[in-house]
Amino acid sequence: MTDRILPLPKDLEVLNFIKNFIEENGWSPIVVEICEGLGLSRKSVGAIARRIDNLEELGLIVRTKYTMRSLYPTEMLDELEHTTNRKEREHGV
């Protein structure tokens, strides 16, 4: 657990990439896509995973462990839930 209360600049870079990816694609990125999107090699997955851990500890993202495409910025949750509920209503789910 981190003692920090503010994210580091590299944490924010990852967070902004996740937000933009979701806005463009409609789903969250996997760690390899974050690496590639930030111009890092696939060998950087450990560093990105630590950034994601930091963001989660700071309450800036939520995720479901052991599930692909489960990174969501907390500020987007209401919007995503609203969109999902609307789609479910439209399709009678």
PDB file of N, CA and C in Angstrom:
ATOM      1  N   MET A   1       0.844  -1.181   0.000  1.00  0.00           N
ATOM      2  CA  MET A   1       0.000   0.000   0.000  1.00  0.00           C
ATOM      3  C   MET A   1       0.884   1.238   0.000  1.00  0.00           C
ATOM      4  N   THR A   2       0.435   2.239  -0.719  1.00  0.00           N
ATOM      5  CA  THR A   2       1.224   3.458  -0.851  1.00  0.00           C
ATOM      6  C   THR A   2       0.843   4.485   0.210  1.00  0.00           C
ATOM      7  N   ASP A   3       1.832   5.283   0.631  1.00  0.00           N
ATOM      8  CA  ASP A   3       1.575   6.365   1.571  1.00  0.00           C
ATOM      9  C   ASP A   3       1.249   7.658   0.842  1.00  0.00           C
ATOM     10  N   ARG A   4       1.401   7.641  -0.484  1.00  0.00           N
ATOM     11  CA  ARG A   4       1.133   8.840  -1.274  1.00  0.00           C
ATOM     12  C   ARG A   4      -0.364   9.108  -1.342  1.00  0.00           C
ATOM     13  N   ILE A   5      -0.712  10.374  -1.483  1.00  0.00           N
ATOM     14  CA  ILE A   5      -2.122  10.727  -1.682  1.00  0.00           C
ATOM     15  C   ILE A   5      -2.351  11.321  -3.069  1.00  0.00           C
ATOM     16  N   LEU A   6      -1.271  11.572  -3.792  1.00  0.00           N
ATOM     17  CA  LEU A   6      -1.364  12.096  -5.148  1.00  0.00           C
ATOM     18  C   LEU A   6      -0.654  11.150  -6.105  1.00  0.00           C
ATOM     19  N   PRO A   7      -1.192  11.005  -7.310  1.00  0.00           N
ATOM     20  CA  PRO A   7      -0.527  10.140  -8.288  1.00  0.00           C
ATOM     21  C   PRO A   7       0.737  10.801  -8.838  1.00  0.00           C
ATOM     22  N   LEU A   8       1.679   9.965  -9.238  1.00  0.00           N
ATOM     23  CA  LEU A   8       2.885  10.453  -9.894  1.00  0.00           C
ATOM     24  C   LEU A   8       2.559  10.799 -11.347  1.00  0.00           C
ATOM     25  N   PRO A   9       3.387  11.617 -11.997  1.00  0.00           N
ATOM     26  CA  PRO A   9       3.122  11.963 -13.403  1.00  0.00           C
ATOM     27  C   PRO A   9       2.970  10.743 -14.310  1.00  0.00           C
ATOM     28  N   LYS A  10       3.774   9.709 -14.096  1.00  0.00           N
ATOM     29  CA  LYS A  10       3.655   8.511 -14.936  1.00  0.00           C
ATOM     30  C   LYS A  10       2.356   7.762 -14.652  1.00  0.00           C
ATOM     31  N   ASP A  11       1.885   7.821 -13.403  1.00  0.00           N
ATOM     32  CA  ASP A  11       0.581   7.234 -13.079  1.00  0.00           C
ATOM     33  C   ASP A  11      -0.511   7.946 -13.876  1.00  0.00           C
ATOM     34  N   LEU A  12      -0.436   9.275 -13.912  1.00  0.00           N
ATOM     35  CA  LEU A  12      -1.435  10.061 -14.643  1.00  0.00           C
ATOM     36  C   LEU A  12      -1.381   9.800 -16.139  1.00  0.00           C
ATOM     37  N   GLU A  13      -0.188   9.543 -16.647  1.00  0.00           N
ATOM     38  CA  GLU A  13      -0.043   9.218 -18.067  1.00  0.00           C
ATOM     39  C   GLU A  13      -0.795   7.918 -18.384  1.00  0.00           C
ATOM     40  N   VAL A  14      -0.660   6.930 -17.510  1.00  0.00           N
ATOM     41  CA  VAL A  14      -1.375   5.665 -17.688  1.00  0.00           C
ATOM     42  C   VAL A  14      -2.874   5.883 -17.551  1.00  0.00           C
ATOM     43  N   LEU A  15      -3.294   6.648 -16.541  1.00  0.00           N
ATOM     44  CA  LEU A  15      -4.715   6.925 -16.336  1.00  0.00           C
ATOM     45  C   LEU A  15      -5.320   7.621 -17.548  1.00  0.00           C
ATOM     46  N   ASN A  16      -4.648   8.612 -18.075  1.00  0.00           N
ATOM     47  CA  ASN A  16      -5.157   9.326 -19.243  1.00  0.00           C
ATOM     48  C   ASN A  16      -5.229   8.423 -20.470  1.00  0.00           C
ATOM     49  N   PHE A  17      -4.253   7.528 -20.615  1.00  0.00           N
ATOM     50  CA  PHE A  17      -4.310   6.590 -21.725  1.00  0.00           C
ATOM     51  C   PHE A  17      -5.535   5.688 -21.597  1.00  0.00           C
ATOM     52  N   ILE A  18      -5.791   5.192 -20.396  1.00  0.00           N
ATOM     53  CA  ILE A  18      -6.952   4.315 -20.169  1.00  0.00           C
ATOM     54  C   ILE A  18      -8.245   5.056 -20.511  1.00  0.00           C
ATOM     55  N   LYS A  19      -8.385   6.287 -20.036  1.00  0.00           N
ATOM     56  CA  LYS A  19      -9.588   7.086 -20.327  1.00  0.00           C
ATOM     57  C   LYS A  19      -9.779   7.266 -21.826  1.00  0.00           C
ATOM     58  N   ASN A  20      -8.723   7.688 -22.501  1.00  0.00           N
ATOM     59  CA  ASN A  20      -8.815   7.929 -23.948  1.00  0.00           C
ATOM     60  C   ASN A  20      -9.117   6.646 -24.710  1.00  0.00           C
ATOM     61  N   PHE A  21      -8.513   5.544 -24.297  1.00  0.00           N
ATOM     62  CA  PHE A  21      -8.737   4.266 -24.961  1.00  0.00           C
ATOM     63  C   PHE A  21     -10.210   3.870 -24.841  1.00  0.00           C
ATOM     64  N   ILE A  22     -10.767   4.009 -23.641  1.00  0.00           N
ATOM     65  CA  ILE A  22     -12.177   3.658 -23.432  1.00  0.00           C
ATOM     66  C   ILE A  22     -13.078   4.553 -24.265  1.00  0.00           C
ATOM     67  N   GLU A  23     -12.800   5.841 -24.292  1.00  0.00           N
ATOM     68  CA  GLU A  23     -13.617   6.766 -25.073  1.00  0.00           C
ATOM     69  C   GLU A  23     -13.570   6.436 -26.563  1.00  0.00           C
ATOM     70  N   GLU A  24     -12.420   6.011 -27.060  1.00  0.00           N
ATOM     71  CA  GLU A  24     -12.268   5.703 -28.484  1.00  0.00           C
ATOM     72  C   GLU A  24     -12.798   4.325 -28.867  1.00  0.00           C
ATOM     73  N   ASN A  25     -12.678   3.347 -27.959  1.00  0.00           N
ATOM     74  CA  ASN A  25     -12.991   1.963 -28.304  1.00  0.00           C
ATOM     75  C   ASN A  25     -14.233   1.394 -27.638  1.00  0.00           C
ATOM     76  N   GLY A  26     -14.642   1.978 -26.515  1.00  0.00           N
ATOM     77  CA  GLY A  26     -15.812   1.473 -25.806  1.00  0.00           C
ATOM     78  C   GLY A  26     -15.495   0.374 -24.808  1.00  0.00           C
ATOM     79  N   TRP A  27     -14.244   0.004 -24.656  1.00  0.00           N
ATOM     80  CA  TRP A  27     -13.822  -0.983 -23.663  1.00  0.00           C
ATOM     81  C   TRP A  27     -12.448  -0.596 -23.154  1.00  0.00           C
ATOM     82  N   SER A  28     -12.058  -1.181 -22.042  1.00  0.00           N
ATOM     83  CA  SER A  28     -10.774  -0.812 -21.452  1.00  0.00           C
ATOM     84  C   SER A  28      -9.621  -1.574 -22.099  1.00  0.00           C
ATOM     85  N   PRO A  29      -8.425  -1.003 -22.036  1.00  0.00           N
ATOM     86  CA  PRO A  29      -7.259  -1.655 -22.639  1.00  0.00           C
ATOM     87  C   PRO A  29      -6.704  -2.757 -21.739  1.00  0.00           C
ATOM     88  N   ILE A  30      -5.971  -3.675 -22.354  1.00  0.00           N
ATOM     89  CA  ILE A  30      -5.186  -4.618 -21.573  1.00  0.00           C
ATOM     90  C   ILE A  30      -3.802  -4.008 -21.390  1.00  0.00           C
ATOM     91  N   VAL A  31      -3.031  -4.571 -20.484  1.00  0.00           N
ATOM     92  CA  VAL A  31      -1.739  -3.974 -20.127  1.00  0.00           C
ATOM     93  C   VAL A  31      -0.816  -3.850 -21.339  1.00  0.00           C
ATOM     94  N   VAL A  32      -0.792  -4.847 -22.199  1.00  0.00           N
ATOM     95  CA  VAL A  32       0.075  -4.782 -23.388  1.00  0.00           C
ATOM     96  C   VAL A  32      -0.334  -3.608 -24.280  1.00  0.00           C
ATOM     97  N   GLU A  33      -1.623  -3.350 -24.417  1.00  0.00           N
ATOM     98  CA  GLU A  33      -2.081  -2.213 -25.224  1.00  0.00           C
ATOM     99  C   GLU A  33      -1.661  -0.890 -24.597  1.00  0.00           C
ATOM    100  N   ILE A  34      -1.639  -0.835 -23.279  1.00  0.00           N
ATOM    101  CA  ILE A  34      -1.169   0.379 -22.604  1.00  0.00           C
ATOM    102  C   ILE A  34       0.313   0.580 -22.919  1.00  0.00           C
ATOM    103  N   CYS A  35       1.095  -0.489 -22.811  1.00  0.00           N
ATOM    104  CA  CYS A  35       2.528  -0.397 -23.137  1.00  0.00           C
ATOM    105  C   CYS A  35       2.720   0.125 -24.550  1.00  0.00           C
ATOM    106  N   GLU A  36       2.046  -0.505 -25.506  1.00  0.00           N
ATOM    107  CA  GLU A  36       2.200  -0.107 -26.901  1.00  0.00           C
ATOM    108  C   GLU A  36       1.720   1.325 -27.125  1.00  0.00           C
ATOM    109  N   GLY A  37       0.612   1.691 -26.505  1.00  0.00           N
ATOM    110  CA  GLY A  37       0.059   3.029 -26.679  1.00  0.00           C
ATOM    111  C   GLY A  37       0.946   4.124 -26.115  1.00  0.00           C
ATOM    112  N   LEU A  38       1.735   3.771 -25.107  1.00  0.00           N
ATOM    113  CA  LEU A  38       2.648   4.740 -24.505  1.00  0.00           C
ATOM    114  C   LEU A  38       4.053   4.649 -25.090  1.00  0.00           C
ATOM    115  N   GLY A  39       4.199   3.819 -26.133  1.00  0.00           N
ATOM    116  CA  GLY A  39       5.496   3.702 -26.792  1.00  0.00           C
ATOM    117  C   GLY A  39       6.510   2.878 -26.026  1.00  0.00           C
ATOM    118  N   LEU A  40       6.031   1.989 -25.164  1.00  0.00           N
ATOM    119  CA  LEU A  40       6.917   1.139 -24.377  1.00  0.00           C
ATOM    120  C   LEU A  40       6.946  -0.261 -24.977  1.00  0.00           C
ATOM    121  N   SER A  41       7.980  -1.007 -24.665  1.00  0.00           N
ATOM    122  CA  SER A  41       8.059  -2.384 -25.161  1.00  0.00           C
ATOM    123  C   SER A  41       7.136  -3.271 -24.314  1.00  0.00           C
ATOM    124  N   ARG A  42       6.843  -4.431 -24.854  1.00  0.00           N
ATOM    125  CA  ARG A  42       6.014  -5.394 -24.121  1.00  0.00           C
ATOM    126  C   ARG A  42       6.704  -5.858 -22.838  1.00  0.00           C
ATOM    127  N   LYS A  43       7.995  -5.648 -22.749  1.00  0.00           N
ATOM    128  CA  LYS A  43       8.741  -6.012 -21.541  1.00  0.00           C
ATOM    129  C   LYS A  43       8.418  -5.083 -20.378  1.00  0.00           C
ATOM    130  N   SER A  44       7.695  -3.998 -20.646  1.00  0.00           N
ATOM    131  CA  SER A  44       7.361  -3.021 -19.613  1.00  0.00           C
ATOM    132  C   SER A  44       6.058  -3.334 -18.889  1.00  0.00           C
ATOM    133  N   VAL A  45       5.494  -4.508 -19.115  1.00  0.00           N
ATOM    134  CA  VAL A  45       4.200  -4.819 -18.491  1.00  0.00           C
ATOM    135  C   VAL A  45       4.275  -4.756 -16.970  1.00  0.00           C
ATOM    136  N   GLY A  46       5.401  -5.149 -16.384  1.00  0.00           N
ATOM    137  CA  GLY A  46       5.549  -5.083 -14.928  1.00  0.00           C
ATOM    138  C   GLY A  46       5.485  -3.653 -14.420  1.00  0.00           C
ATOM    139  N   ALA A  47       6.135  -2.745 -15.121  1.00  0.00           N
ATOM    140  CA  ALA A  47       6.119  -1.331 -14.724  1.00  0.00           C
ATOM    141  C   ALA A  47       4.709  -0.759 -14.847  1.00  0.00           C
ATOM    142  N   ILE A  48       4.014  -1.116 -15.916  1.00  0.00           N
ATOM    143  CA  ILE A  48       2.641  -0.631 -16.101  1.00  0.00           C
ATOM    144  C   ILE A  48       1.726  -1.244 -15.042  1.00  0.00           C
ATOM    145  N   ALA A  49       1.936  -2.503 -14.718  1.00  0.00           N
ATOM    146  CA  ALA A  49       1.131  -3.151 -13.674  1.00  0.00           C
ATOM    147  C   ALA A  49       1.300  -2.433 -12.340  1.00  0.00           C
ATOM    148  N   ARG A  50       2.514  -1.993 -12.035  1.00  0.00           N
ATOM    149  CA  ARG A  50       2.738  -1.231 -10.791  1.00  0.00           C
ATOM    150  C   ARG A  50       2.018   0.113 -10.837  1.00  0.00           C
ATOM    151  N   ARG A  51       2.013   0.761 -12.001  1.00  0.00           N
ATOM    152  CA  ARG A  51       1.280   2.030 -12.141  1.00  0.00           C
ATOM    153  C   ARG A  51      -0.221   1.805 -11.910  1.00  0.00           C
ATOM    154  N   ILE A  52      -0.728   0.717 -12.459  1.00  0.00           N
ATOM    155  CA  ILE A  52      -2.142   0.382 -12.287  1.00  0.00           C
ATOM    156  C   ILE A  52      -2.439   0.113 -10.806  1.00  0.00           C
ATOM    157  N   ASP A  53      -1.542  -0.608 -10.138  1.00  0.00           N
ATOM    158  CA  ASP A  53      -1.705  -0.843  -8.693  1.00  0.00           C
ATOM    159  C   ASP A  53      -1.754   0.478  -7.934  1.00  0.00           C
ATOM    160  N   ASN A  54      -0.849   1.403  -8.281  1.00  0.00           N
ATOM    161  CA  ASN A  54      -0.832   2.721  -7.633  1.00  0.00           C
ATOM    162  C   ASN A  54      -2.161   3.439  -7.838  1.00  0.00           C
ATOM    163  N   LEU A  55      -2.650   3.435  -9.078  1.00  0.00           N
ATOM    164  CA  LEU A  55      -3.906   4.124  -9.383  1.00  0.00           C
ATOM    165  C   LEU A  55      -5.078   3.507  -8.625  1.00  0.00           C
ATOM    166  N   GLU A  56      -5.051   2.197  -8.492  1.00  0.00           N
ATOM    167  CA  GLU A  56      -6.125   1.525  -7.754  1.00  0.00           C
ATOM    168  C   GLU A  56      -6.054   1.869  -6.263  1.00  0.00           C
ATOM    169  N   GLU A  57      -4.856   1.862  -5.700  1.00  0.00           N
ATOM    170  CA  GLU A  57      -4.691   2.209  -4.286  1.00  0.00           C
ATOM    171  C   GLU A  57      -5.110   3.643  -4.004  1.00  0.00           C
ATOM    172  N   LEU A  58      -4.919   4.528  -4.972  1.00  0.00           N
ATOM    173  CA  LEU A  58      -5.305   5.927  -4.816  1.00  0.00           C
ATOM    174  C   LEU A  58      -6.804   6.143  -5.095  1.00  0.00           C
ATOM    175  N   GLY A  59      -7.497   5.085  -5.505  1.00  0.00           N
ATOM    176  CA  GLY A  59      -8.929   5.192  -5.769  1.00  0.00           C
ATOM    177  C   GLY A  59      -9.267   5.838  -7.098  1.00  0.00           C
ATOM    178  N   LEU A  60      -8.306   5.891  -8.017  1.00  0.00           N
ATOM    179  CA  LEU A  60      -8.540   6.539  -9.309  1.00  0.00           C
ATOM    180  C   LEU A  60      -9.044   5.578 -10.374  1.00  0.00           C
ATOM    181  N   ILE A  61      -8.829   4.287 -10.160  1.00  0.00           N
ATOM    182  CA  ILE A  61      -9.387   3.278 -11.056  1.00  0.00           C
ATOM    183  C   ILE A  61      -9.937   2.130 -10.223  1.00  0.00           C
ATOM    184  N   VAL A  62     -10.827   1.376 -10.832  1.00  0.00           N
ATOM    185  CA  VAL A  62     -11.299   0.122 -10.250  1.00  0.00           C
ATOM    186  C   VAL A  62     -11.058  -0.961 -11.288  1.00  0.00           C
ATOM    187  N   ARG A  63     -10.895  -2.174 -10.812  1.00  0.00           N
ATOM    188  CA  ARG A  63     -10.705  -3.292 -11.733  1.00  0.00           C
ATOM    189  C   ARG A  63     -11.179  -4.572 -11.071  1.00  0.00           C
ATOM    190  N   THR A  64     -11.479  -5.513 -11.911  1.00  0.00           N
ATOM    191  CA  THR A  64     -11.803  -6.849 -11.460  1.00  0.00           C
ATOM    192  C   THR A  64     -10.557  -7.684 -11.704  1.00  0.00           C
ATOM    193  N   LYS A  65     -10.004  -8.211 -10.664  1.00  0.00           N
ATOM    194  CA  LYS A  65      -8.783  -9.006 -10.811  1.00  0.00           C
ATOM    195  C   LYS A  65      -9.049 -10.249 -11.642  1.00  0.00           C
ATOM    196  N   TYR A  66      -8.055 -10.654 -12.382  1.00  0.00           N
ATOM    197  CA  TYR A  66      -8.073 -11.859 -13.201  1.00  0.00           C
ATOM    198  C   TYR A  66      -9.108 -11.803 -14.318  1.00  0.00           C
ATOM    199  N   THR A  67      -9.490 -10.608 -14.710  1.00  0.00           N
ATOM    200  CA  THR A  67     -10.423 -10.420 -15.808  1.00  0.00           C
ATOM    201  C   THR A  67      -9.801  -9.444 -16.797  1.00  0.00           C
ATOM    202  N   MET A  68      -9.799  -9.805 -18.058  1.00  0.00           N
ATOM    203  CA  MET A  68      -9.252  -8.899 -19.070  1.00  0.00           C
ATOM    204  C   MET A  68     -10.195  -7.716 -19.269  1.00  0.00           C
ATOM    205  N   ARG A  69      -9.633  -6.604 -19.646  1.00  0.00           N
ATOM    206  CA  ARG A  69     -10.385  -5.396 -19.984  1.00  0.00           C
ATOM    207  C   ARG A  69     -11.291  -4.949 -18.841  1.00  0.00           C
ATOM    208  N   SER A  70     -10.714  -4.875 -17.663  1.00  0.00           N
ATOM    209  CA  SER A  70     -11.512  -4.507 -16.499  1.00  0.00           C
ATOM    210  C   SER A  70     -10.966  -3.293 -15.765  1.00  0.00           C
ATOM    211  N   LEU A  71     -10.238  -2.423 -16.457  1.00  0.00           N
ATOM    212  CA  LEU A  71      -9.692  -1.209 -15.857  1.00  0.00           C
ATOM    213  C   LEU A  71     -10.619  -0.041 -16.168  1.00  0.00           C
ATOM    214  N   TYR A  72     -11.187   0.572 -15.140  1.00  0.00           N
ATOM    215  CA  TYR A  72     -12.083   1.692 -15.365  1.00  0.00           C
ATOM    216  C   TYR A  72     -11.768   2.835 -14.414  1.00  0.00           C
ATOM    217  N   PRO A  73     -11.516   4.019 -14.949  1.00  0.00           N
ATOM    218  CA  PRO A  73     -11.335   5.190 -14.091  1.00  0.00           C
ATOM    219  C   PRO A  73     -12.606   5.422 -13.281  1.00  0.00           C
ATOM    220  N   THR A  74     -12.462   5.691 -11.999  1.00  0.00           N
ATOM    221  CA  THR A  74     -13.634   5.862 -11.141  1.00  0.00           C
ATOM    222  C   THR A  74     -14.516   7.013 -11.614  1.00  0.00           C
ATOM    223  N   GLU A  75     -13.932   8.034 -12.203  1.00  0.00           N
ATOM    224  CA  GLU A  75     -14.726   9.165 -12.676  1.00  0.00           C
ATOM    225  C   GLU A  75     -15.611   8.804 -13.871  1.00  0.00           C
ATOM    226  N   MET A  76     -15.334   7.674 -14.521  1.00  0.00           N
ATOM    227  CA  MET A  76     -16.125   7.251 -15.673  1.00  0.00           C
ATOM    228  C   MET A  76     -17.188   6.223 -15.306  1.00  0.00           C
ATOM    229  N   LEU A  77     -17.208   5.740 -14.071  1.00  0.00           N
ATOM    230  CA  LEU A  77     -18.107   4.642 -13.713  1.00  0.00           C
ATOM    231  C   LEU A  77     -19.576   4.995 -13.891  1.00  0.00           C
ATOM    232  N   ASP A  78     -19.998   6.169 -13.438  1.00  0.00           N
ATOM    233  CA  ASP A  78     -21.405   6.558 -13.587  1.00  0.00           C
ATOM    234  C   ASP A  78     -21.807   6.608 -15.054  1.00  0.00           C
ATOM    235  N   GLU A  79     -20.953   7.185 -15.879  1.00  0.00           N
ATOM    236  CA  GLU A  79     -21.225   7.286 -17.313  1.00  0.00           C
ATOM    237  C   GLU A  79     -21.303   5.893 -17.945  1.00  0.00           C
ATOM    238  N   LEU A  80     -20.372   5.024 -17.592  1.00  0.00           N
ATOM    239  CA  LEU A  80     -20.364   3.671 -18.150  1.00  0.00           C
ATOM    240  C   LEU A  80     -21.587   2.876 -17.691  1.00  0.00           C
ATOM    241  N   GLU A  81     -21.966   3.025 -16.428  1.00  0.00           N
ATOM    242  CA  GLU A  81     -23.137   2.329 -15.912  1.00  0.00           C
ATOM    243  C   GLU A  81     -24.396   2.824 -16.614  1.00  0.00           C
ATOM    244  N   HIS A  82     -24.497   4.122 -16.822  1.00  0.00           N
ATOM    245  CA  HIS A  82     -25.650   4.699 -17.513  1.00  0.00           C
ATOM    246  C   HIS A  82     -25.749   4.154 -18.938  1.00  0.00           C
ATOM    247  N   THR A  83     -24.616   4.116 -19.641  1.00  0.00           N
ATOM    248  CA  THR A  83     -24.588   3.602 -21.011  1.00  0.00           C
ATOM    249  C   THR A  83     -24.985   2.136 -21.048  1.00  0.00           C
ATOM    250  N   THR A  84     -24.459   1.335 -20.123  1.00  0.00           N
ATOM    251  CA  THR A  84     -24.784  -0.089 -20.068  1.00  0.00           C
ATOM    252  C   THR A  84     -26.263  -0.292 -19.775  1.00  0.00           C
ATOM    253  N   ASN A  85     -26.806   0.444 -18.815  1.00  0.00           N
ATOM    254  CA  ASN A  85     -28.223   0.318 -18.480  1.00  0.00           C
ATOM    255  C   ASN A  85     -29.106   0.710 -19.656  1.00  0.00           C
ATOM    256  N   ARG A  86     -28.733   1.753 -20.381  1.00  0.00           N
ATOM    257  CA  ARG A  86     -29.509   2.185 -21.534  1.00  0.00           C
ATOM    258  C   ARG A  86     -29.511   1.105 -22.609  1.00  0.00           C
ATOM    259  N   LYS A  87     -28.333   0.519 -22.869  1.00  0.00           N
ATOM    260  CA  LYS A  87     -28.244  -0.545 -23.871  1.00  0.00           C
ATOM    261  C   LYS A  87     -29.063  -1.763 -23.450  1.00  0.00           C
ATOM    262  N   GLU A  88     -29.040  -2.088 -22.156  1.00  0.00           N
ATOM    263  CA  GLU A  88     -29.832  -3.218 -21.678  1.00  0.00           C
ATOM    264  C   GLU A  88     -31.314  -2.958 -21.850  1.00  0.00           C
ATOM    265  N   ARG A  89     -31.769  -1.733 -21.565  1.00  0.00           N
ATOM    266  CA  ARG A  89     -33.184  -1.392 -21.739  1.00  0.00           C
ATOM    267  C   ARG A  89     -33.586  -1.473 -23.213  1.00  0.00           C
ATOM    268  N   GLU A  90     -32.703  -0.994 -24.096  1.00  0.00           N
ATOM    269  CA  GLU A  90     -33.000  -1.013 -25.524  1.00  0.00           C
ATOM    270  C   GLU A  90     -33.120  -2.437 -26.062  1.00  0.00           C
ATOM    271  N   HIS A  91     -32.372  -3.350 -25.466  1.00  0.00           N
ATOM    272  CA  HIS A  91     -32.381  -4.732 -25.960  1.00  0.00           C
ATOM    273  C   HIS A  91     -33.227  -5.653 -25.078  1.00  0.00           C
ATOM    274  N   GLY A  92     -33.948  -5.077 -24.125  1.00  0.00           N
ATOM    275  CA  GLY A  92     -34.844  -5.864 -23.298  1.00  0.00           C
ATOM    276  C   GLY A  92     -34.144  -6.841 -22.369  1.00  0.00           C
ATOM    277  N   VAL A  93     -32.943  -6.500 -21.947  1.00  0.00           N
ATOM    278  CA  VAL A  93     -32.196  -7.389 -21.046  1.00  0.00           C
ATOM    279  C   VAL A  93     -32.525  -7.060 -19.620  1.00  0.00           C
TER     280      VAL A  93
END
